[in-house]
C-alpha atoms as a PDB file:
ATOM      1  CA  MET A   1      44.095 -78.326  55.336  1.00  0.00           C
ATOM      2  CA  LEU A   2      45.873 -79.083  52.075  1.00  0.00           C
ATOM      3  CA  ILE A   3      45.714 -76.712  49.169  1.00  0.00           C
ATOM      4  CA  GLY A   4      43.052 -78.708  47.366  1.00  0.00           C
ATOM      5  CA  ASP A   5      40.791 -78.672  50.450  1.00  0.00           C
ATOM      6  CA  VAL A   6      41.244 -74.956  50.906  1.00  0.00           C
ATOM      7  CA  ALA A   7      40.427 -74.318  47.208  1.00  0.00           C
ATOM      8  CA  ARG A   8      37.209 -76.365  47.454  1.00  0.00           C
ATOM      9  CA  ARG A   9      36.016 -74.726  50.659  1.00  0.00           C
ATOM     10  CA  SER A  10      36.993 -71.116  49.904  1.00  0.00           C
ATOM     11  CA  GLY A  11      36.179 -70.964  46.206  1.00  0.00           C
ATOM     12  CA  VAL A  12      39.737 -69.623  45.441  1.00  0.00           C
ATOM     13  CA  SER A  13      41.377 -71.804  42.894  1.00  0.00           C
ATOM     14  CA  ALA A  14      44.583 -73.671  43.706  1.00  0.00           C
ATOM     15  CA  ARG A  15      46.380 -71.684  41.097  1.00  0.00           C
ATOM     16  CA  MET A  16      45.459 -68.434  42.749  1.00  0.00           C
ATOM     17  CA  LEU A  17      46.406 -69.753  46.208  1.00  0.00           C
ATOM     18  CA  ARG A  18      49.838 -70.500  44.894  1.00  0.00           C
ATOM     19  CA  HIS A  19      50.023 -66.898  43.366  1.00  0.00           C
ATOM     20  CA  TYR A  20      49.164 -65.597  46.854  1.00  0.00           C
ATOM     21  CA  ASP A  21      51.893 -67.776  48.251  1.00  0.00           C
ATOM     22  CA  SER A  22      54.434 -66.487  45.715  1.00  0.00           C
ATOM     23  CA  LEU A  23      53.572 -62.883  46.570  1.00  0.00           C
ATOM     24  CA  GLY A  24      53.790 -63.518  50.291  1.00  0.00           C
ATOM     25  CA  LEU A  25      50.150 -62.624  50.860  1.00  0.00           C
ATOM     26  CA  VAL A  26      49.302 -66.029  52.504  1.00  0.00           C
ATOM     27  CA  ARG A  27      51.711 -68.874  53.063  1.00  0.00           C
ATOM     28  CA  PRO A  28      50.716 -72.288  54.536  1.00  0.00           C
ATOM     29  CA  THR A  29      52.173 -72.324  58.038  1.00  0.00           C
ATOM     30  CA  GLY A  30      51.707 -76.010  58.926  1.00  0.00           C
ATOM     31  CA  ARG A  31      53.085 -79.328  57.790  1.00  0.00           C
ATOM     32  CA  SER A  32      51.298 -82.619  57.496  1.00  0.00           C
ATOM     33  CA  GLY A  33      52.772 -85.897  58.674  1.00  0.00           C
ATOM     34  CA  ALA A  34      53.834 -86.698  55.135  1.00  0.00           C
ATOM     35  CA  GLY A  35      55.656 -83.265  54.907  1.00  0.00           C
ATOM     36  CA  TYR A  36      53.080 -81.435  52.817  1.00  0.00           C
ATOM     37  CA  ARG A  37      52.401 -77.843  53.678  1.00  0.00           C
ATOM     38  CA  GLU A  38      49.002 -77.255  55.284  1.00  0.00           C
ATOM     39  CA  TYR A  39      46.938 -74.084  55.792  1.00  0.00           C
ATOM     40  CA  SER A  40      45.978 -73.373  59.406  1.00  0.00           C
ATOM     41  CA  GLY A  41      42.685 -71.919  60.460  1.00  0.00           C
ATOM     42  CA  GLU A  42      44.396 -68.496  60.684  1.00  0.00           C
ATOM     43  CA  ASP A  43      45.730 -68.948  57.108  1.00  0.00           C
ATOM     44  CA  VAL A  44      42.166 -69.582  55.822  1.00  0.00           C
ATOM     45  CA  ARG A  45      40.813 -66.513  57.663  1.00  0.00           C
ATOM     46  CA  ARG A  46      43.462 -64.465  55.979  1.00  0.00           C
ATOM     47  CA  ILE A  47      42.410 -65.893  52.592  1.00  0.00           C
ATOM     48  CA  PHE A  48      38.898 -64.753  53.211  1.00  0.00           C
ATOM     49  CA  HIS A  49      40.122 -61.301  54.239  1.00  0.00           C
ATOM     50  CA  ILE A  50      42.118 -61.111  51.025  1.00  0.00           C
ATOM     51  CA  GLU A  51      39.012 -61.967  48.986  1.00  0.00           C
ATOM     52  CA  SER A  52      36.909 -59.427  50.803  1.00  0.00           C
ATOM     53  CA  LEU A  53      39.367 -56.603  50.217  1.00  0.00           C
ATOM     54  CA  ARG A  54      39.704 -57.636  46.562  1.00  0.00           C
ATOM     55  CA  SER A  55      35.913 -57.415  46.251  1.00  0.00           C
ATOM     56  CA  LEU A  56      36.232 -53.708  47.084  1.00  0.00           C
ATOM     57  CA  GLY A  57      38.523 -53.129  44.048  1.00  0.00           C
ATOM     58  CA  LEU A  58      41.846 -53.192  45.827  1.00  0.00           C
ATOM     59  CA  SER A  59      44.909 -54.457  44.050  1.00  0.00           C
ATOM     60  CA  LEU A  60      46.867 -57.289  45.510  1.00  0.00           C
ATOM     61  CA  ARG A  61      49.547 -54.884  46.480  1.00  0.00           C
ATOM     62  CA  GLU A  62      47.020 -52.669  48.306  1.00  0.00           C
ATOM     63  CA  VAL A  63      45.613 -55.763  50.000  1.00  0.00           C
ATOM     64  CA  GLY A  64      49.091 -56.755  51.313  1.00  0.00           C
ATOM     65  CA  ARG A  65      49.520 -53.217  52.702  1.00  0.00           C
ATOM     66  CA  ALA A  66      46.087 -53.292  54.349  1.00  0.00           C
ATOM     67  CA  LEU A  67      46.757 -56.481  56.064  1.00  0.00           C
ATOM     68  CA  ASP A  68      50.347 -56.172  57.081  1.00  0.00           C
ATOM     69  CA  ASP A  69      51.070 -52.427  57.626  1.00  0.00           C
ATOM     70  CA  PRO A  70      49.960 -51.439  61.098  1.00  0.00           C
ATOM     71  CA  GLY A  71      50.149 -47.773  60.103  1.00  0.00           C
ATOM     72  CA  PHE A  72      47.925 -48.221  57.051  1.00  0.00           C
ATOM     73  CA  ALA A  73      44.941 -45.797  57.004  1.00  0.00           C
ATOM     74  CA  PRO A  74      41.983 -46.936  54.917  1.00  0.00           C
ATOM     75  CA  ALA A  75      40.126 -43.612  54.609  1.00  0.00           C
ATOM     76  CA  GLU A  76      42.337 -42.154  51.701  1.00  0.00           C
ATOM     77  CA  LEU A  77      42.239 -45.502  49.848  1.00  0.00           C
ATOM     78  CA  VAL A  78      38.524 -45.951  50.199  1.00  0.00           C
ATOM     79  CA  GLY A  79      38.062 -42.323  49.022  1.00  0.00           C
ATOM     80  CA  ASP A  80      40.085 -43.178  45.922  1.00  0.00           C
ATOM     81  CA  LEU A  81      38.086 -46.336  45.355  1.00  0.00           C
ATOM     82  CA  ILE A  82      34.912 -44.381  45.484  1.00  0.00           C
ATOM     83  CA  ARG A  83      36.114 -41.760  42.945  1.00  0.00           C
ATOM     84  CA  GLN A  84      37.307 -44.566  40.627  1.00  0.00           C
ATOM     85  CA  THR A  85      34.000 -46.440  40.907  1.00  0.00           C
ATOM     86  CA  ARG A  86      32.071 -43.343  40.119  1.00  0.00           C
ATOM     87  CA  GLU A  87      34.223 -42.632  37.047  1.00  0.00           C
ATOM     88  CA  ARG A  88      33.698 -46.192  35.974  1.00  0.00           C
ATOM     89  CA  ILE A  89      29.951 -46.034  36.492  1.00  0.00           C
ATOM     90  CA  ALA A  90      29.764 -42.769  34.622  1.00  0.00           C
ATOM     91  CA  ALA A  91      31.747 -44.278  31.683  1.00  0.00           C
ATOM     92  CA  GLU A  92      29.612 -47.323  31.590  1.00  0.00           C
ATOM     93  CA  THR A  93      26.368 -45.288  31.836  1.00  0.00           C
ATOM     94  CA  GLU A  94      27.476 -43.081  28.949  1.00  0.00           C
ATOM     95  CA  LEU A  95      28.173 -46.193  26.853  1.00  0.00           C
ATOM     96  CA  LEU A  96      24.777 -47.620  27.809  1.00  0.00           C
ATOM     97  CA  THR A  97      23.034 -44.408  26.822  1.00  0.00           C
ATOM     98  CA  ARG A  98      24.812 -44.335  23.526  1.00  0.00           C
ATOM     99  CA  LEU A  99      23.930 -47.937  22.787  1.00  0.00           C
ATOM    100  CA  ARG A 100      20.311 -47.293  23.661  1.00  0.00           C
ATOM    101  CA  ARG A 101      20.139 -44.277  21.422  1.00  0.00           C
ATOM    102  CA  ILE A 102      21.623 -46.242  18.554  1.00  0.00           C
ATOM    103  CA  ASP A 103      19.068 -48.912  19.165  1.00  0.00           C
ATOM    104  CA  ALA A 104      16.214 -46.383  19.248  1.00  0.00           C
ATOM    105  CA  ALA A 105      17.317 -45.104  15.816  1.00  0.00           C
ATOM    106  CA  GLU A 106      16.565 -48.600  14.448  1.00  0.00           C
ATOM    107  CA  PRO A 107      19.623 -48.742  12.118  1.00  0.00           C
ATOM    108  CA  ALA A 108      19.118 -50.980   9.100  1.00  0.00           C
ATOM    109  CA  GLY A 109      22.825 -51.711   8.831  1.00  0.00           C
ATOM    110  CA  TRP A 110      26.295 -50.964  10.041  1.00  0.00           C
ATOM    111  CA  GLU A 111      26.415 -47.869   7.695  1.00  0.00           C
ATOM    112  CA  ASP A 112      23.434 -46.441   9.617  1.00  0.00           C
ATOM    113  CA  VAL A 113      25.088 -47.302  12.914  1.00  0.00           C
ATOM    114  CA  LEU A 114      28.179 -45.411  12.030  1.00  0.00           C
ATOM    115  CA  GLN A 115      26.140 -42.440  10.901  1.00  0.00           C
ATOM    116  CA  VAL A 116      24.262 -42.291  14.157  1.00  0.00           C
ATOM    117  CA  VAL A 117      27.439 -42.567  16.102  1.00  0.00           C
ATOM    118  CA  ALA A 118      29.006 -39.718  14.141  1.00  0.00           C
ATOM    119  CA  LEU A 119      25.959 -37.520  14.639  1.00  0.00           C
ATOM    120  CA  LEU A 120      25.902 -38.267  18.425  1.00  0.00           C
ATOM    121  CA  GLN A 121      29.569 -37.400  18.692  1.00  0.00           C
ATOM    122  CA  ALA A 122      29.018 -34.222  16.676  1.00  0.00           C
ATOM    123  CA  LEU A 123      26.215 -33.137  19.039  1.00  0.00           C
ATOM    124  CA  GLY A 124      28.730 -33.293  21.874  1.00  0.00           C
ATOM    125  CA  SER A 125      31.503 -31.499  19.874  1.00  0.00           C
ATOM    126  CA  LYS A 126      33.147 -28.383  21.206  1.00  0.00           C
ATOM    127  CA  SER A 127      32.585 -26.750  17.870  1.00  0.00           C
ATOM    128  CA  ALA A 128      29.231 -24.898  17.588  1.00  0.00           C
ATOM    129  CA  GLY A 129      29.355 -25.353  13.878  1.00  0.00           C
ATOM    130  CA  ASN A 130      29.580 -29.158  14.216  1.00  0.00           C
ATOM    131  CA  ARG A 131      26.750 -29.166  16.712  1.00  0.00           C
ATOM    132  CA  GLN A 132      24.546 -27.169  14.421  1.00  0.00           C
ATOM    133  CA  ARG A 133      25.220 -29.381  11.380  1.00  0.00           C
ATOM    134  CA  ALA A 134      24.462 -32.472  13.576  1.00  0.00           C
ATOM    135  CA  ALA A 135      21.067 -30.895  14.666  1.00  0.00           C
ATOM    136  CA  LEU A 136      20.178 -30.180  10.997  1.00  0.00           C
ATOM    137  CA  SER A 137      21.382 -33.623   9.824  1.00  0.00           C
ATOM    138  CA  ALA A 138      19.299 -35.293  12.490  1.00  0.00           C
ATOM    139  CA  VAL A 139      16.301 -34.515  10.356  1.00  0.00           C
ATOM    140  CA  GLU A 140      17.716 -34.488   6.914  1.00  0.00           C
ATOM    141  CA  GLU A 141      19.816 -37.595   6.924  1.00  0.00           C
ATOM    142  CA  VAL A 142      19.671 -40.134   9.722  1.00  0.00           C
ATOM    143  CA  PRO A 143      16.977 -39.485  12.409  1.00  0.00           C
ATOM    144  CA  LEU A 144      18.488 -39.237  15.896  1.00  0.00           C
ATOM    145  CA  PRO A 145      16.602 -40.527  18.875  1.00  0.00           C
ATOM    146  CA  VAL A 146      14.552 -37.634  20.333  1.00  0.00           C
ATOM    147  CA  GLU A 147      16.160 -38.245  23.796  1.00  0.00           C
ATOM    148  CA  ALA A 148      19.526 -37.162  22.326  1.00  0.00           C
ATOM    149  CA  LEU A 149      17.978 -34.085  20.777  1.00  0.00           C
ATOM    150  CA  VAL A 150      16.251 -33.014  23.929  1.00  0.00           C
ATOM    151  CA  GLU A 151      19.356 -33.546  26.026  1.00  0.00           C
ATOM    152  CA  ALA A 152      21.366 -31.346  23.538  1.00  0.00           C
ATOM    153  CA  ALA A 153      18.638 -28.660  23.411  1.00  0.00           C
ATOM    154  CA  LEU A 154      18.421 -28.386  27.217  1.00  0.00           C
ATOM    155  CA  GLY A 155      22.167 -28.024  27.540  1.00  0.00           C
ATOM    156  CA  GLU A 156      22.991 -25.798  24.494  1.00  0.00           C
ATOM    157  CA  THR A 157      24.328 -22.301  25.133  1.00  0.00           C
ATOM    158  CA  ASP A 158      24.964 -21.145  21.523  1.00  0.00           C
ATOM    159  CA  PRO A 159      21.859 -19.401  20.241  1.00  0.00           C
ATOM    160  CA  ASN A 160      22.308 -20.479  16.641  1.00  0.00           C
ATOM    161  CA  VAL A 161      22.798 -24.103  17.632  1.00  0.00           C
ATOM    162  CA  ALA A 162      19.947 -23.910  20.085  1.00  0.00           C
ATOM    163  CA  GLY A 163      17.739 -22.711  17.282  1.00  0.00           C
ATOM    164  CA  ALA A 164      18.692 -25.608  15.057  1.00  0.00           C
ATOM    165  CA  LEU A 165      18.023 -28.033  17.828  1.00  0.00           C
ATOM    166  CA  ARG A 166      14.569 -26.533  18.541  1.00  0.00           C
ATOM    167  CA  TRP A 167      13.724 -26.844  14.919  1.00  0.00           C
ATOM    168  CA  ALA A 168      14.835 -30.493  14.852  1.00  0.00           C
ATOM    169  CA  LEU A 169      12.678 -31.178  17.930  1.00  0.00           C
ATOM    170  CA  ALA A 170       9.709 -29.435  16.288  1.00  0.00           C
ATOM    171  CA  GLN A 171      10.071 -31.847  13.347  1.00  0.00           C
ATOM    172  CA  SER A 172       9.798 -34.830  15.684  1.00  0.00           C
ATOM    173  CA  GLY A 173       6.266 -33.717  16.785  1.00  0.00           C
ATOM    174  CA  ASP A 174       5.106 -34.734  20.202  1.00  0.00           C
ATOM    175  CA  ASP A 175       7.898 -37.371  20.809  1.00  0.00           C
ATOM    176  CA  GLY A 176       9.992 -35.118  22.914  1.00  0.00           C
ATOM    177  CA  LEU A 177       7.321 -33.361  24.980  1.00  0.00           C
ATOM    178  CA  ALA A 178       7.534 -35.674  27.959  1.00  0.00           C
ATOM    179  CA  LEU A 179      11.190 -35.109  28.369  1.00  0.00           C
ATOM    180  CA  LEU A 180      10.877 -31.377  27.769  1.00  0.00           C
ATOM    181  CA  ALA A 181       8.158 -31.291  30.426  1.00  0.00           C
ATOM    182  CA  GLU A 182      10.729 -32.717  32.850  1.00  0.00           C
ATOM    183  CA  GLY A 183      12.977 -29.843  31.900  1.00  0.00           C
ATOM    184  CA  LEU A 184      10.383 -27.303  33.009  1.00  0.00           C
ATOM    185  CA  GLY A 185      10.899 -28.700  36.600  1.00  0.00           C
ATOM    186  CA  SER A 186      14.795 -28.494  36.363  1.00  0.00           C
ATOM    187  CA  PRO A 187      16.404 -26.718  39.389  1.00  0.00           C
ATOM    188  CA  ALA A 188      18.461 -24.694  36.720  1.00  0.00           C
ATOM    189  CA  ALA A 189      16.795 -21.584  35.395  1.00  0.00           C
ATOM    190  CA  GLU A 190      18.490 -21.786  32.035  1.00  0.00           C
ATOM    191  CA  VAL A 191      17.320 -25.309  31.461  1.00  0.00           C
ATOM    192  CA  ARG A 192      13.716 -24.383  32.344  1.00  0.00           C
ATOM    193  CA  GLU A 193      13.858 -21.578  29.770  1.00  0.00           C
ATOM    194  CA  ARG A 194      15.297 -23.801  27.121  1.00  0.00           C
ATOM    195  CA  ALA A 195      12.610 -26.357  27.811  1.00  0.00           C
ATOM    196  CA  VAL A 196       9.710 -23.862  27.393  1.00  0.00           C
ATOM    197  CA  ARG A 197      11.199 -22.334  24.264  1.00  0.00           C
ATOM    198  CA  SER A 198      11.459 -25.736  22.675  1.00  0.00           C
ATOM    199  CA  ILE A 199       7.925 -26.617  23.613  1.00  0.00           C
ATOM    200  CA  ALA A 200       6.766 -23.316  22.140  1.00  0.00           C
ATOM    201  CA  GLU A 201       7.997 -24.328  18.743  1.00  0.00           C
ATOM    202  CA  ILE A 202       6.144 -27.715  18.687  1.00  0.00           C
ATOM    203  CA  ALA A 203       2.693 -27.631  17.181  1.00  0.00           C
ATOM    204  CA  GLY A 204      -0.316 -29.570  18.392  1.00  0.00           C
ATOM    205  CA  ASP A 205      -2.651 -29.838  21.317  1.00  0.00           C
ATOM    206  CA  GLU A 206      -0.195 -31.685  23.637  1.00  0.00           C
ATOM    207  CA  ALA A 207       2.360 -28.838  23.279  1.00  0.00           C
ATOM    208  CA  THR A 208      -0.404 -26.243  23.953  1.00  0.00           C
ATOM    209  CA  ALA A 209      -1.533 -28.143  27.000  1.00  0.00           C
ATOM    210  CA  LEU A 210       2.016 -28.059  28.350  1.00  0.00           C
ATOM    211  CA  LEU A 211       2.292 -24.300  27.717  1.00  0.00           C
ATOM    212  CA  ARG A 212      -1.023 -23.852  29.541  1.00  0.00           C
ATOM    213  CA  GLU A 213       0.435 -25.533  32.543  1.00  0.00           C
ATOM    214  CA  ALA A 214       3.633 -23.479  32.239  1.00  0.00           C
ATOM    215  CA  LEU A 215       1.542 -20.279  32.873  1.00  0.00           C
ATOM    216  CA  ALA A 216       1.428 -21.375  36.462  1.00  0.00           C
ATOM    217  CA  ASN A 217       5.206 -22.169  36.706  1.00  0.00           C
ATOM    218  CA  PRO A 218       6.997 -20.529  39.594  1.00  0.00           C
ATOM    219  CA  ASP A 219       9.560 -19.208  37.199  1.00  0.00           C
ATOM    220  CA  VAL A 220       8.513 -15.948  35.740  1.00  0.00           C
ATOM    221  CA  VAL A 221      10.656 -16.413  32.594  1.00  0.00           C
ATOM    222  CA  VAL A 222       8.837 -19.685  31.825  1.00  0.00           C
ATOM    223  CA  ARG A 223       5.535 -18.021  32.295  1.00  0.00           C
ATOM    224  CA  ARG A 224       6.459 -15.207  29.805  1.00  0.00           C
ATOM    225  CA  HIS A 225       7.641 -17.513  27.125  1.00  0.00           C
ATOM    226  CA  ALA A 226       4.530 -19.660  27.536  1.00  0.00           C
ATOM    227  CA  ALA A 227       2.289 -16.645  27.324  1.00  0.00           C
ATOM    228  CA  LEU A 228       3.936 -15.317  24.097  1.00  0.00           C
ATOM    229  CA  ALA A 229       3.529 -18.845  22.473  1.00  0.00           C
ATOM    230  CA  LEU A 230      -0.057 -19.250  23.675  1.00  0.00           C
ATOM    231  CA  GLY A 231      -0.956 -15.742  22.472  1.00  0.00           C
ATOM    232  CA  ALA A 232       0.126 -16.722  18.937  1.00  0.00           C
ATOM    233  CA  ARG A 233      -2.085 -19.832  19.296  1.00  0.00           C
ATOM    234  CA  GLY A 234      -5.078 -17.814  20.252  1.00  0.00           C
ATOM    235  CA  VAL A 235      -5.294 -19.023  23.907  1.00  0.00           C
ATOM    236  CA  ALA A 236      -7.029 -16.360  25.981  1.00  0.00           C
ATOM    237  CA  GLU A 237      -5.483 -17.646  29.279  1.00  0.00           C
ATOM    238  CA  ALA A 238      -2.220 -15.899  28.240  1.00  0.00           C
ATOM    239  CA  VAL A 239      -3.793 -12.354  28.414  1.00  0.00           C
ATOM    240  CA  PRO A 240      -3.001 -11.517  32.105  1.00  0.00           C
ATOM    241  CA  THR A 241       0.570 -12.554  31.811  1.00  0.00           C
ATOM    242  CA  LEU A 242       0.959 -10.577  28.510  1.00  0.00           C
ATOM    243  CA  VAL A 243      -0.522  -7.462  30.071  1.00  0.00           C
ATOM    244  CA  ASP A 244       1.914  -7.844  33.033  1.00  0.00           C
ATOM    245  CA  MET A 245       4.783  -8.098  30.539  1.00  0.00           C
ATOM    246  CA  VAL A 246       3.649  -4.696  28.964  1.00  0.00           C
ATOM    247  CA  VAL A 247       3.483  -3.158  32.323  1.00  0.00           C
ATOM    248  CA  GLU A 248       6.902  -4.429  33.395  1.00  0.00           C
ATOM    249  CA  GLY A 249       8.557  -3.549  30.045  1.00  0.00           C
ATOM    250  CA  THR A 250       9.815  -7.134  29.593  1.00  0.00           C
ATOM    251  CA  ASN A 251       9.524  -8.134  25.889  1.00  0.00           C
ATOM    252  CA  ASP A 252       6.697  -5.573  25.943  1.00  0.00           C
ATOM    253  CA  VAL A 253       6.685  -5.265  22.153  1.00  0.00           C
ATOM    254  CA  ASP A 254       6.344  -8.963  21.669  1.00  0.00           C
ATOM    255  CA  ALA A 255       3.673  -9.087  24.362  1.00  0.00           C
ATOM    256  CA  ALA A 256       1.761  -6.241  22.566  1.00  0.00           C
ATOM    257  CA  ASP A 257       1.959  -8.143  19.288  1.00  0.00           C
ATOM    258  CA  ALA A 258       0.655 -11.291  21.000  1.00  0.00           C
ATOM    259  CA  LEU A 259      -2.237  -9.324  22.431  1.00  0.00           C
ATOM    260  CA  ASN A 260      -2.990  -7.844  19.021  1.00  0.00           C
ATOM    261  CA  ALA A 261      -3.030 -11.297  17.576  1.00  0.00           C
ATOM    262  CA  LEU A 262      -5.462 -12.471  20.206  1.00  0.00           C
ATOM    263  CA  ALA A 263      -7.608  -9.417  19.675  1.00  0.00           C
ATOM    264  CA  SER A 264      -7.946 -10.134  16.027  1.00  0.00           C
ATOM    265  CA  ARG A 265     -10.347 -12.794  17.206  1.00  0.00           C
ATOM    266  CA  SER A 266     -13.452 -10.647  17.673  1.00  0.00           C
ATOM    267  CA  ALA A 267     -14.602 -12.371  20.870  1.00  0.00           C
ATOM    268  CA  GLN A 268     -11.341 -11.468  22.608  1.00  0.00           C
ATOM    269  CA  ALA A 269     -10.856  -7.840  21.599  1.00  0.00           C
ATOM    270  CA  ASP A 270     -13.135  -6.243  24.202  1.00  0.00           C
ATOM    271  CA  ARG A 271     -11.793  -8.456  27.012  1.00  0.00           C
ATOM    272  CA  ILE A 272      -8.183  -7.549  26.162  1.00  0.00           C
ATOM    273  CA  ALA A 273      -9.023  -3.836  25.977  1.00  0.00           C
ATOM    274  CA  ALA A 274     -10.805  -4.082  29.319  1.00  0.00           C
ATOM    275  CA  GLY A 275      -7.704  -5.740  30.833  1.00  0.00           C
ATOM    276  CA  LEU A 276      -5.436  -2.960  29.591  1.00  0.00           C
ATOM    277  CA  VAL A 277      -7.866  -0.279  30.768  1.00  0.00           C
ATOM    278  CA  ASP A 278      -7.930  -1.820  34.165  1.00  0.00           C
ATOM    279  CA  ARG A 279      -4.229  -1.618  34.497  1.00  0.00           C
ATOM    280  CA  LEU A 280      -4.197   2.011  33.313  1.00  0.00           C
ATOM    281  CA  ALA A 281      -6.677   2.856  36.039  1.00  0.00           C
ATOM    282  CA  ARG A 282      -4.439   1.636  38.846  1.00  0.00           C
ATOM    283  CA  GLY A 283      -2.743   4.333  40.776  1.00  0.00           C
ATOM    284  CA  ASP A 284       0.482   2.439  41.154  1.00  0.00           C
ATOM    285  CA  VAL A 285       1.295   2.200  37.465  1.00  0.00           C
ATOM    286  CA  GLU A 286       4.341   4.318  36.567  1.00  0.00           C
ATOM    287  CA  PRO A 287       4.196   6.812  33.706  1.00  0.00           C
ATOM    288  CA  SER A 288       6.413   4.752  31.491  1.00  0.00           C
ATOM    289  CA  ALA A 289       4.139   1.765  31.996  1.00  0.00           C
ATOM    290  CA  ARG A 290       1.092   3.756  31.190  1.00  0.00           C
ATOM    291  CA  ARG A 291       2.637   4.819  27.904  1.00  0.00           C
ATOM    292  CA  ARG A 292       3.351   1.246  27.023  1.00  0.00           C
ATOM    293  CA  LEU A 293      -0.150   0.239  27.901  1.00  0.00           C
ATOM    294  CA  THR A 294      -1.542   3.028  25.707  1.00  0.00           C
ATOM    295  CA  GLN A 295       0.616   1.855  22.771  1.00  0.00           C
ATOM    296  CA  ALA A 296      -0.596  -1.681  23.321  1.00  0.00           C
ATOM    297  CA  LEU A 297      -4.200  -0.532  23.408  1.00  0.00           C
ATOM    298  CA  ALA A 298      -3.680   1.210  20.066  1.00  0.00           C
ATOM    299  CA  ASP A 299      -3.501  -2.058  18.265  1.00  0.00           C
ATOM    300  CA  ILE A 300      -6.722  -3.515  19.819  1.00  0.00           C
ATOM    301  CA  PRO A 301      -9.810  -3.235  17.674  1.00  0.00           C
ATOM    302  CA  GLY A 302     -13.230  -2.481  18.975  1.00  0.00           C
ATOM    303  CA  SER A 303     -15.316   0.187  20.835  1.00  0.00           C
ATOM    304  CA  THR A 304     -13.836  -0.508  24.279  1.00  0.00           C
ATOM    305  CA  ALA A 305     -10.407   0.278  23.056  1.00  0.00           C
ATOM    306  CA  SER A 306     -11.658   3.392  21.160  1.00  0.00           C
ATOM    307  CA  ARG A 307     -13.344   4.785  24.144  1.00  0.00           C
ATOM    308  CA  ALA A 308     -10.364   4.241  26.367  1.00  0.00           C
ATOM    309  CA  LEU A 309      -8.180   5.932  23.762  1.00  0.00           C
ATOM    310  CA  ALA A 310     -10.594   8.971  23.597  1.00  0.00           C
ATOM    311  CA  ASP A 311     -10.305   9.332  27.433  1.00  0.00           C
ATOM    312  CA  LEU A 312      -6.475   8.963  27.291  1.00  0.00           C
ATOM    313  CA  SER A 313      -6.231  11.715  24.668  1.00  0.00           C
ATOM    314  CA  HIS A 314      -6.941  14.129  27.609  1.00  0.00           C
ATOM    315  CA  ASP A 315      -4.480  12.382  30.016  1.00  0.00           C
ATOM    316  CA  GLU A 316      -2.198  14.420  32.277  1.00  0.00           C
ATOM    317  CA  ASP A 317       0.772  12.644  30.921  1.00  0.00           C
ATOM    318  CA  ARG A 318       1.483  14.455  27.631  1.00  0.00           C
ATOM    319  CA  ALA A 319       3.130  11.466  26.056  1.00  0.00           C
ATOM    320  CA  VAL A 320       0.161   9.335  26.814  1.00  0.00           C
ATOM    321  CA  ALA A 321      -2.302  11.931  25.570  1.00  0.00           C
ATOM    322  CA  LEU A 322      -0.397  12.501  22.307  1.00  0.00           C
ATOM    323  CA  THR A 323      -0.095   8.772  21.570  1.00  0.00           C
ATOM    324  CA  ALA A 324      -3.859   8.220  22.258  1.00  0.00           C
ATOM    325  CA  ALA A 325      -4.713  11.251  19.997  1.00  0.00           C
ATOM    326  CA  TYR A 326      -2.523  10.104  17.157  1.00  0.00           C
ATOM    327  CA  VAL A 327      -3.907   6.541  17.264  1.00  0.00           C
ATOM    328  CA  LEU A 328      -7.467   7.829  17.336  1.00  0.00           C
ATOM    329  CA  GLY A 329      -6.670   9.900  14.281  1.00  0.00           C
ATOM    330  CA  LEU A 330      -5.513   6.826  12.492  1.00  0.00           C
ATOM    331  CA  ARG A 331      -8.470   4.753  13.499  1.00  0.00           C
ATOM    332  CA  ASP A 332     -10.979   7.513  12.353  1.00  0.00           C
ATOM    333  CA  ALA A 333      -9.175   7.614   9.088  1.00  0.00           C
ATOM    334  CA  ARG A 334      -9.558   3.894   8.610  1.00  0.00           C
END
């Protein structure tokens, strides 16, 4: 076949075929009666092989080696192509994400676009100060898409920046809750903790519902943060976890404060006192835990707590007895 026929049938332009010829990749091996060079069937097959290899991302030089070097091993080259393709996809995905976030910010003009881009770049800065300023500016200046704030909050390691990001998310209301809920199921423990702490700072029924669900999370850290937040919101389901925290000595002061806040609602005081008394009655509770339970009981109003403290004032553990007696004295004085 002449070059024009090959171009039509293969889809490779005559110009590219001439380029292949000049590089020695594929040269017409036949001659027509009029002296024109013709491509044989084997030449055409080689053209298709060249196009197949090019479709994998090989350069023409690499294509030539693959076809002509009998010792050429494809494994290493294919591995390089996989790595390069992954890097290219990652770069394109990052660009697509950035464009979507700019679009979500609904910029009114190019000035807004530039501000959003600057804030997005600052959120990814190596400087904690830059990241913190970006988090604060996301509320005060140009609103950033909540997706960007959630991603930053779930990945932030600096406590000051993390606090600023949680504050910014809290200002966005319920918008970020769905993404934060996904964070609760992350395989990374630190991400789960950041997610529940962010949810805890968001007001409203949807956030409270998520925190209630988090009480059953397999991660004990998530359960504890959820319980502390729910205690402050007056949710009684948090009581068992809060009592466990007092017993275990994990954030026990915060847990006791949360129980006190719950107990200030008269309907909950006796229930909370009963829960603390039940734990005190168990034989497997260590002395230090009994002291913490007694101290927690001291802040619970009502007759159930008072009776329990009266009994504890005669406890075998001198520290428990002294604490209970002291608290009873204060209650009587009031």
